[in-house]
């Protein structure tokens, strides 16, 4: 059931933006070498002394999705729209070692996810045009190989048929064919596989984030190193809303944030975008979502998932991992990919939707030795611990306005997909704010409404 953007949402957005005051913007052009970009980002925050108190659009979270939203808003509206990004982790420590997020694939069962991948792949291929010539995300195009056991073979065939309807070029392989192509893989328990032919690959996710931030700043976005601590609301007793007691509606129009100097500042806004990743549920609670009555009783179901990424060193293993090795997704949730031109792999497990009592390391090692028996002689070490914002309701991202706080737009819960889909997600949010509707890709089914009416939107994949 698709969610319709209400006239109430449209009128409030247009009215609020009209009367919202602008503030001075700061410009950070790409004038230094790429090796200094990280320091430029940090110094940009440290030198800030003037904290904004007004913005047309305030974005909570300056990561991939938040910075993409800022980029698209300023690209389309320019100086006609003031945009502020509130980010507490301006060193972006959580994104310094994103080894598992820098990939893009079209292997999905939801049309929206296929379209998001196709649009974002175009953005990544032409990132220098979109952002700046100095941006190097080290994009390496190659396919993704999905492995399916007997249990999931039929589902894989269904997914492949759907993907082809949306223009995805892929090929079904038998277990025997996969074994011949990649002899280091064990395929005795694999019924079928599917490998794609275009618009997929791996990239340096951290460099993409740096490029989005600096381009957004260059276009006039103000980044604020602070923490959101609350919202201010005003009573609008004349507003009638289905599911809300007459005369009880309270509209959010300000947020409170705490600076590095422990100063609390109130910022008036027209639209608030929540793209805070694993902190999104906390931000929603500050607006009484999940703590109030009527439409505010249902919480935002986004939780933090932690998982390890491993490196398999193959010096002791005589088996060569070919340069044409695709990104491999196993039916067990194991993923593997070659690490550049080195004869080694990085790998891990897809974070589970539900937390179990079985340690992830046990599941990982069991799955790894089953799929890659030759790793027994290799050195396996943990290279990073990473995080994702998991939507525990149906494991699909939440995008669009809240049904009560209609000027609060969620863009969260996309898990690992959030990184490679961020260019398209950001564009969709910008369209929603400026045009009051999705234009490029219809993402209305991702709305919060599906949680209220209990209609999950599930990505039926085979891993």
Foldseek 3Di string as FASTA:
>chain_A
DFDDQDPVLVVLLVVFLVPWDADAFFAQDPDDAPVCLLVVQVVLQVPDDDDAQTFAEEEEALFLQSLLLLLQLLVPQFPSGAYEYEDQPSSPPQQPDPPPLFKAAQQFQDPQNNLLLQVLLVCVVPVCVSFNVNQFFPWDDAKEKEFFFPVCPVVSVVSVVNSVVVPWAKDKDALVRVCVVAVLWDRPRTGIMMITDDSITGTRLVSVSSRSNNRSSNSGYHYHNWAWDAWDWDFDQCDDDPQDDRRGAIETFWTWIAHPVRDIHIHGYSFYEYAHWQCSQVHLVRVQQCNDDGLRVHTQQKHKFKWFKKKWACPVPPRFDDPNDHFYQYLLQKTWDDDHPHRIIMITGQTDLDDDPDDRVVSHVVVCCNTRVRSPRTDMDTDDMHMGIARSLARDFAFAARSRNSRYTYTYRNTSSCSSSSNVRSNQVSCCSPVVAGDSGHPSVNHPVCVVVVNHDHTDDSD
